[in-house]
PDB file of all heavy atoms in Angstrom:
ATOM      1  N   GLY A   1      17.718   2.536  49.213  1.00  0.00           N
ATOM      2  CA  GLY A   1      18.562   2.462  48.033  1.00  0.00           C
ATOM      3  C   GLY A   1      18.604   3.772  47.273  1.00  0.00           C
ATOM      4  O   GLY A   1      18.040   4.780  47.682  1.00  0.00           O
ATOM      5  N   GLY A   2      19.287   3.729  46.127  1.00  0.00           N
ATOM      6  CA  GLY A   2      19.397   4.918  45.293  1.00  0.00           C
ATOM      7  C   GLY A   2      20.837   5.309  45.061  1.00  0.00           C
ATOM      8  O   GLY A   2      21.719   5.034  45.884  1.00  0.00           O
ATOM      9  N   ALA A   3      21.086   5.970  43.953  1.00  0.00           N
ATOM     10  CA  ALA A   3      22.454   6.355  43.579  1.00  0.00           C
ATOM     11  C   ALA A   3      23.044   7.391  44.522  1.00  0.00           C
ATOM     12  O   ALA A   3      24.242   7.369  44.792  1.00  0.00           O
ATOM     13  CB  ALA A   3      22.462   6.884  42.142  1.00  0.00           C
ATOM     14  N   ILE A   4      22.231   8.291  45.043  1.00  0.00           N
ATOM     15  CA  ILE A   4      22.780   9.386  45.830  1.00  0.00           C
ATOM     16  C   ILE A   4      23.400   8.892  47.135  1.00  0.00           C
ATOM     17  O   ILE A   4      24.483   9.335  47.529  1.00  0.00           O
ATOM     18  CB  ILE A   4      21.718  10.487  46.095  1.00  0.00           C
ATOM     19  CG1 ILE A   4      22.387  11.765  46.615  1.00  0.00           C
ATOM     20  CG2 ILE A   4      20.627  10.011  47.031  1.00  0.00           C
ATOM     21  CD1 ILE A   4      23.249  12.473  45.618  1.00  0.00           C
ATOM     22  N   LEU A   5      22.746   7.954  47.831  1.00  0.00           N
ATOM     23  CA  LEU A   5      23.290   7.464  49.099  1.00  0.00           C
ATOM     24  C   LEU A   5      24.418   6.467  48.908  1.00  0.00           C
ATOM     25  O   LEU A   5      25.287   6.335  49.779  1.00  0.00           O
ATOM     26  CB  LEU A   5      22.191   6.830  49.961  1.00  0.00           C
ATOM     27  CG  LEU A   5      21.157   7.755  50.593  1.00  0.00           C
ATOM     28  CD1 LEU A   5      20.335   6.996  51.623  1.00  0.00           C
ATOM     29  CD2 LEU A   5      21.791   8.977  51.229  1.00  0.00           C
ATOM     30  N   ASP A   6      24.423   5.749  47.779  1.00  0.00           N
ATOM     31  CA  ASP A   6      25.457   4.743  47.564  1.00  0.00           C
ATOM     32  C   ASP A   6      26.664   5.267  46.815  1.00  0.00           C
ATOM     33  O   ASP A   6      27.799   4.926  47.150  1.00  0.00           O
ATOM     34  CB  ASP A   6      24.877   3.530  46.821  1.00  0.00           C
ATOM     35  CG  ASP A   6      24.506   2.409  47.765  1.00  0.00           C
ATOM     36  OD1 ASP A   6      25.415   1.836  48.348  1.00  0.00           O
ATOM     37  OD2 ASP A   6      23.305   2.138  47.933  1.00  0.00           O
ATOM     38  N   LEU A   7      26.454   6.093  45.794  1.00  0.00           N
ATOM     39  CA  LEU A   7      27.544   6.609  44.979  1.00  0.00           C
ATOM     40  C   LEU A   7      27.767   8.105  45.206  1.00  0.00           C
ATOM     41  O   LEU A   7      28.905   8.562  45.312  1.00  0.00           O
ATOM     42  CB  LEU A   7      27.254   6.379  43.488  1.00  0.00           C
ATOM     43  CG  LEU A   7      26.834   4.979  43.045  1.00  0.00           C
ATOM     44  CD1 LEU A   7      26.662   4.948  41.527  1.00  0.00           C
ATOM     45  CD2 LEU A   7      27.836   3.932  43.492  1.00  0.00           C
ATOM     46  N   GLY A   8      26.674   8.833  45.279  1.00  0.00           N
ATOM     47  CA  GLY A   8      26.767  10.282  45.410  1.00  0.00           C
ATOM     48  C   GLY A   8      27.478  10.737  46.657  1.00  0.00           C
ATOM     49  O   GLY A   8      28.156  11.769  46.662  1.00  0.00           O
ATOM     50  N   VAL A   9      27.362   9.967  47.727  1.00  0.00           N
ATOM     51  CA  VAL A   9      28.026  10.339  48.978  1.00  0.00           C
ATOM     52  C   VAL A   9      29.538  10.385  48.787  1.00  0.00           C
ATOM     53  O   VAL A   9      30.227  11.247  49.338  1.00  0.00           O
ATOM     54  CB  VAL A   9      27.610   9.389  50.118  1.00  0.00           C
ATOM     55  CG1 VAL A   9      28.108   7.964  49.871  1.00  0.00           C
ATOM     56  CG2 VAL A   9      28.100   9.893  51.469  1.00  0.00           C
ATOM     57  N   TYR A  10      30.084   9.467  47.972  1.00  0.00           N
ATOM     58  CA  TYR A  10      31.514   9.487  47.668  1.00  0.00           C
ATOM     59  C   TYR A  10      31.869  10.705  46.819  1.00  0.00           C
ATOM     60  O   TYR A  10      32.852  11.414  47.084  1.00  0.00           O
ATOM     61  CB  TYR A  10      31.915   8.226  46.896  1.00  0.00           C
ATOM     62  CG  TYR A  10      32.023   6.973  47.699  1.00  0.00           C
ATOM     63  CD1 TYR A  10      31.111   5.932  47.523  1.00  0.00           C
ATOM     64  CD2 TYR A  10      33.048   6.793  48.622  1.00  0.00           C
ATOM     65  CE1 TYR A  10      31.217   4.757  48.245  1.00  0.00           C
ATOM     66  CE2 TYR A  10      33.162   5.616  49.354  1.00  0.00           C
ATOM     67  CZ  TYR A  10      32.250   4.599  49.157  1.00  0.00           C
ATOM     68  OH  TYR A  10      32.353   3.432  49.883  1.00  0.00           O
ATOM     69  N   ALA A  11      31.095  10.917  45.767  1.00  0.00           N
ATOM     70  CA  ALA A  11      31.383  12.021  44.849  1.00  0.00           C
ATOM     71  C   ALA A  11      31.295  13.371  45.559  1.00  0.00           C
ATOM     72  O   ALA A  11      32.148  14.257  45.361  1.00  0.00           O
ATOM     73  CB  ALA A  11      30.421  11.974  43.668  1.00  0.00           C
ATOM     74  N   LEU A  12      30.280  13.537  46.375  1.00  0.00           N
ATOM     75  CA  LEU A  12      30.122  14.793  47.106  1.00  0.00           C
ATOM     76  C   LEU A  12      31.216  14.971  48.151  1.00  0.00           C
ATOM     77  O   LEU A  12      31.674  16.098  48.389  1.00  0.00           O
ATOM     78  CB  LEU A  12      28.743  14.856  47.758  1.00  0.00           C
ATOM     79  CG  LEU A  12      27.587  15.121  46.791  1.00  0.00           C
ATOM     80  CD1 LEU A  12      26.248  14.776  47.431  1.00  0.00           C
ATOM     81  CD2 LEU A  12      27.594  16.575  46.319  1.00  0.00           C
ATOM     82  N   ALA A  13      31.646  13.886  48.774  1.00  0.00           N
ATOM     83  CA  ALA A  13      32.756  13.966  49.726  1.00  0.00           C
ATOM     84  C   ALA A  13      34.035  14.408  49.015  1.00  0.00           C
ATOM     85  O   ALA A  13      34.806  15.232  49.528  1.00  0.00           O
ATOM     86  CB  ALA A  13      32.960  12.613  50.405  1.00  0.00           C
ATOM     87  N   PHE A  14      34.263  13.845  47.832  1.00  0.00           N
ATOM     88  CA  PHE A  14      35.419  14.229  47.023  1.00  0.00           C
ATOM     89  C   PHE A  14      35.379  15.719  46.718  1.00  0.00           C
ATOM     90  O   PHE A  14      36.361  16.445  46.922  1.00  0.00           O
ATOM     91  CB  PHE A  14      35.417  13.418  45.724  1.00  0.00           C
ATOM     92  CG  PHE A  14      36.527  13.757  44.767  1.00  0.00           C
ATOM     93  CD1 PHE A  14      37.748  13.111  44.849  1.00  0.00           C
ATOM     94  CD2 PHE A  14      36.341  14.715  43.784  1.00  0.00           C
ATOM     95  CE1 PHE A  14      38.775  13.425  43.963  1.00  0.00           C
ATOM     96  CE2 PHE A  14      37.358  15.030  42.891  1.00  0.00           C
ATOM     97  CZ  PHE A  14      38.582  14.387  42.986  1.00  0.00           C
ATOM     98  N   VAL A  15      34.234  16.193  46.253  1.00  0.00           N
ATOM     99  CA  VAL A  15      34.084  17.605  45.909  1.00  0.00           C
ATOM    100  C   VAL A  15      34.279  18.492  47.126  1.00  0.00           C
ATOM    101  O   VAL A  15      35.041  19.466  47.106  1.00  0.00           O
ATOM    102  CB  VAL A  15      32.695  17.852  45.279  1.00  0.00           C
ATOM    103  CG1 VAL A  15      32.369  19.345  45.233  1.00  0.00           C
ATOM    104  CG2 VAL A  15      32.632  17.256  43.875  1.00  0.00           C
ATOM    105  N   ARG A  16      33.611  18.135  48.212  1.00  0.00           N
ATOM    106  CA  ARG A  16      33.617  19.014  49.395  1.00  0.00           C
ATOM    107  C   ARG A  16      35.009  19.240  49.951  1.00  0.00           C
ATOM    108  O   ARG A  16      35.348  20.364  50.373  1.00  0.00           O
ATOM    109  CB  ARG A  16      32.698  18.434  50.489  1.00  0.00           C
ATOM    110  CG  ARG A  16      32.664  19.268  51.774  1.00  0.00           C
ATOM    111  CD  ARG A  16      32.119  20.651  51.517  1.00  0.00           C
ATOM    112  NE  ARG A  16      32.285  21.542  52.660  1.00  0.00           N
ATOM    113  CZ  ARG A  16      33.326  22.361  52.825  1.00  0.00           C
ATOM    114  NH1 ARG A  16      34.302  22.399  51.926  1.00  0.00           N
ATOM    115  NH2 ARG A  16      33.396  23.155  53.872  1.00  0.00           N
ATOM    116  N   GLN A  17      35.840  18.213  49.952  1.00  0.00           N
ATOM    117  CA  GLN A  17      37.157  18.367  50.578  1.00  0.00           C
ATOM    118  C   GLN A  17      38.088  19.297  49.788  1.00  0.00           C
ATOM    119  O   GLN A  17      39.055  19.805  50.338  1.00  0.00           O
ATOM    120  CB  GLN A  17      37.810  17.006  50.779  1.00  0.00           C
ATOM    121  CG  GLN A  17      38.253  16.313  49.514  1.00  0.00           C
ATOM    122  CD  GLN A  17      38.951  15.005  49.799  1.00  0.00           C
ATOM    123  OE1 GLN A  17      39.376  14.738  50.916  1.00  0.00           O
ATOM    124  NE2 GLN A  17      39.064  14.157  48.787  1.00  0.00           N
ATOM    125  N   PHE A  18      37.777  19.528  48.513  1.00  0.00           N
ATOM    126  CA  PHE A  18      38.607  20.422  47.712  1.00  0.00           C
ATOM    127  C   PHE A  18      38.065  21.847  47.639  1.00  0.00           C
ATOM    128  O   PHE A  18      38.728  22.733  47.100  1.00  0.00           O
ATOM    129  CB  PHE A  18      38.761  19.871  46.283  1.00  0.00           C
ATOM    130  CG  PHE A  18      39.707  18.717  46.185  1.00  0.00           C
ATOM    131  CD1 PHE A  18      39.228  17.430  45.974  1.00  0.00           C
ATOM    132  CD2 PHE A  18      41.077  18.894  46.311  1.00  0.00           C
ATOM    133  CE1 PHE A  18      40.099  16.354  45.880  1.00  0.00           C
ATOM    134  CE2 PHE A  18      41.955  17.830  46.220  1.00  0.00           C
ATOM    135  CZ  PHE A  18      41.470  16.549  46.001  1.00  0.00           C
ATOM    136  N   LEU A  19      36.856  22.073  48.151  1.00  0.00           N
ATOM    137  CA  LEU A  19      36.250  23.401  48.099  1.00  0.00           C
ATOM    138  C   LEU A  19      36.580  24.206  49.352  1.00  0.00           C
ATOM    139  O   LEU A  19      36.724  23.653  50.450  1.00  0.00           O
ATOM    140  CB  LEU A  19      34.732  23.285  47.966  1.00  0.00           C
ATOM    141  CG  LEU A  19      34.184  22.653  46.683  1.00  0.00           C
ATOM    142  CD1 LEU A  19      32.669  22.600  46.742  1.00  0.00           C
ATOM    143  CD2 LEU A  19      34.651  23.416  45.444  1.00  0.00           C
ATOM    144  N   ASN A  20      36.651  25.529  49.205  1.00  0.00           N
ATOM    145  CA  ASN A  20      36.899  26.398  50.362  1.00  0.00           C
ATOM    146  C   ASN A  20      35.712  26.437  51.317  1.00  0.00           C
ATOM    147  O   ASN A  20      35.878  26.649  52.518  1.00  0.00           O
ATOM    148  CB  ASN A  20      37.207  27.823  49.895  1.00  0.00           C
ATOM    149  CG  ASN A  20      38.493  27.906  49.095  1.00  0.00           C
ATOM    150  OD1 ASN A  20      39.334  27.011  49.152  1.00  0.00           O
ATOM    151  ND2 ASN A  20      38.652  28.986  48.332  1.00  0.00           N
ATOM    152  N   SER A  21      34.509  26.242  50.776  1.00  0.00           N
ATOM    153  CA  SER A  21      33.294  26.279  51.592  1.00  0.00           C
ATOM    154  C   SER A  21      32.238  25.394  50.933  1.00  0.00           C
ATOM    155  O   SER A  21      32.351  25.029  49.765  1.00  0.00           O
ATOM    156  CB  SER A  21      32.770  27.713  51.717  1.00  0.00           C
ATOM    157  OG  SER A  21      32.485  28.264  50.446  1.00  0.00           O
ATOM    158  N   SER A  22      31.203  25.079  51.699  1.00  0.00           N
ATOM    159  CA  SER A  22      30.154  24.208  51.187  1.00  0.00           C
ATOM    160  C   SER A  22      29.327  24.905  50.109  1.00  0.00           C
ATOM    161  O   SER A  22      29.058  26.109  50.207  1.00  0.00           O
ATOM    162  CB  SER A  22      29.234  23.780  52.328  1.00  0.00           C
ATOM    163  OG  SER A  22      28.297  22.815  51.885  1.00  0.00           O
ATOM    164  N   PRO A  23      28.923  24.186  49.067  1.00  0.00           N
ATOM    165  CA  PRO A  23      28.094  24.795  48.020  1.00  0.00           C
ATOM    166  C   PRO A  23      26.760  25.282  48.567  1.00  0.00           C
ATOM    167  O   PRO A  23      26.128  24.607  49.379  1.00  0.00           O
ATOM    168  CB  PRO A  23      27.876  23.638  47.029  1.00  0.00           C
ATOM    169  CG  PRO A  23      28.994  22.695  47.294  1.00  0.00           C
ATOM    170  CD  PRO A  23      29.266  22.788  48.762  1.00  0.00           C
ATOM    171  N   ASP A  24      26.341  26.477  48.129  1.00  0.00           N
ATOM    172  CA  ASP A  24      25.016  26.969  48.506  1.00  0.00           C
ATOM    173  C   ASP A  24      24.062  26.980  47.313  1.00  0.00           C
ATOM    174  O   ASP A  24      22.853  27.114  47.479  1.00  0.00           O
ATOM    175  CB  ASP A  24      25.098  28.355  49.149  1.00  0.00           C
ATOM    176  CG  ASP A  24      25.911  29.354  48.329  1.00  0.00           C
ATOM    177  OD1 ASP A  24      26.370  28.983  47.228  1.00  0.00           O
ATOM    178  OD2 ASP A  24      26.089  30.488  48.789  1.00  0.00           O
ATOM    179  N   ILE A  25      24.613  26.830  46.106  1.00  0.00           N
ATOM    180  CA  ILE A  25      23.780  26.675  44.912  1.00  0.00           C
ATOM    181  C   ILE A  25      23.900  25.232  44.446  1.00  0.00           C
ATOM    182  O   ILE A  25      25.003  24.743  44.184  1.00  0.00           O
ATOM    183  CB  ILE A  25      24.216  27.636  43.790  1.00  0.00           C
ATOM    184  CG1 ILE A  25      24.024  29.085  44.237  1.00  0.00           C
ATOM    185  CG2 ILE A  25      23.442  27.358  42.509  1.00  0.00           C
ATOM    186  CD1 ILE A  25      24.534  30.107  43.242  1.00  0.00           C
ATOM    187  N   VAL A  26      22.767  24.538  44.368  1.00  0.00           N
ATOM    188  CA  VAL A  26      22.749  23.122  43.991  1.00  0.00           C
ATOM    189  C   VAL A  26      21.624  22.915  42.980  1.00  0.00           C
ATOM    190  O   VAL A  26      20.451  23.153  43.282  1.00  0.00           O
ATOM    191  CB  VAL A  26      22.517  22.206  45.212  1.00  0.00           C
ATOM    192  CG1 VAL A  26      22.529  20.742  44.788  1.00  0.00           C
ATOM    193  CG2 VAL A  26      23.579  22.452  46.281  1.00  0.00           C
ATOM    194  N   LYS A  27      21.975  22.486  41.787  1.00  0.00           N
ATOM    195  CA  LYS A  27      21.001  22.206  40.737  1.00  0.00           C
ATOM    196  C   LYS A  27      21.164  20.760  40.288  1.00  0.00           C
ATOM    197  O   LYS A  27      22.270  20.218  40.312  1.00  0.00           O
ATOM    198  CB  LYS A  27      21.197  23.135  39.541  1.00  0.00           C
ATOM    199  CG  LYS A  27      21.147  24.618  39.872  1.00  0.00           C
ATOM    200  CD  LYS A  27      19.759  25.061  40.281  1.00  0.00           C
ATOM    201  CE  LYS A  27      19.718  26.571  40.515  1.00  0.00           C
ATOM    202  NZ  LYS A  27      18.360  27.011  40.956  1.00  0.00           N
ATOM    203  N   SER A  28      20.066  20.140  39.847  1.00  0.00           N
ATOM    204  CA  SER A  28      20.170  18.738  39.449  1.00  0.00           C
ATOM    205  C   SER A  28      19.057  18.318  38.499  1.00  0.00           C
ATOM    206  O   SER A  28      18.032  18.994  38.385  1.00  0.00           O
ATOM    207  CB  SER A  28      20.112  17.847  40.687  1.00  0.00           C
ATOM    208  OG  SER A  28      18.802  17.851  41.244  1.00  0.00           O
ATOM    209  N   ALA A  29      19.293  17.192  37.852  1.00  0.00           N
ATOM    210  CA  ALA A  29      18.265  16.494  37.080  1.00  0.00           C
ATOM    211  C   ALA A  29      18.434  15.016  37.396  1.00  0.00           C
ATOM    212  O   ALA A  29      19.561  14.495  37.326  1.00  0.00           O
ATOM    213  CB  ALA A  29      18.431  16.748  35.589  1.00  0.00           C
ATOM    214  N   ALA A  30      17.336  14.348  37.760  1.00  0.00           N
ATOM    215  CA  ALA A  30      17.427  12.961  38.211  1.00  0.00           C
ATOM    216  C   ALA A  30      16.447  12.066  37.470  1.00  0.00           C
ATOM    217  O   ALA A  30      15.350  12.491  37.096  1.00  0.00           O
ATOM    218  CB  ALA A  30      17.167  12.877  39.712  1.00  0.00           C
ATOM    219  N   VAL A  31      16.856  10.807  37.278  1.00  0.00           N
ATOM    220  CA  VAL A  31      15.997   9.756  36.735  1.00  0.00           C
ATOM    221  C   VAL A  31      15.653   8.825  37.888  1.00  0.00           C
ATOM    222  O   VAL A  31      16.548   8.324  38.579  1.00  0.00           O
ATOM    223  CB  VAL A  31      16.710   8.956  35.623  1.00  0.00           C
ATOM    224  CG1 VAL A  31      15.814   7.829  35.121  1.00  0.00           C
ATOM    225  CG2 VAL A  31      17.121   9.875  34.478  1.00  0.00           C
ATOM    226  N   LEU A  32      14.353   8.605  38.100  1.00  0.00           N
ATOM    227  CA  LEU A  32      13.930   7.722  39.184  1.00  0.00           C
ATOM    228  C   LEU A  32      13.632   6.327  38.654  1.00  0.00           C
ATOM    229  O   LEU A  32      13.079   6.157  37.565  1.00  0.00           O
ATOM    230  CB  LEU A  32      12.691   8.282  39.890  1.00  0.00           C
ATOM    231  CG  LEU A  32      12.822   9.671  40.519  1.00  0.00           C
ATOM    232  CD1 LEU A  32      11.580   9.982  41.351  1.00  0.00           C
ATOM    233  CD2 LEU A  32      14.079   9.790  41.369  1.00  0.00           C
TER     234      LEU A  32
END
């Protein structure tokens, strides 16, 4: 379980398809 595999996969797919290349800088803050 978890938000990243259930929801984040959609959001990241949305982002990736509009970018020229894959992000190489990734920063985050998470609540477990």
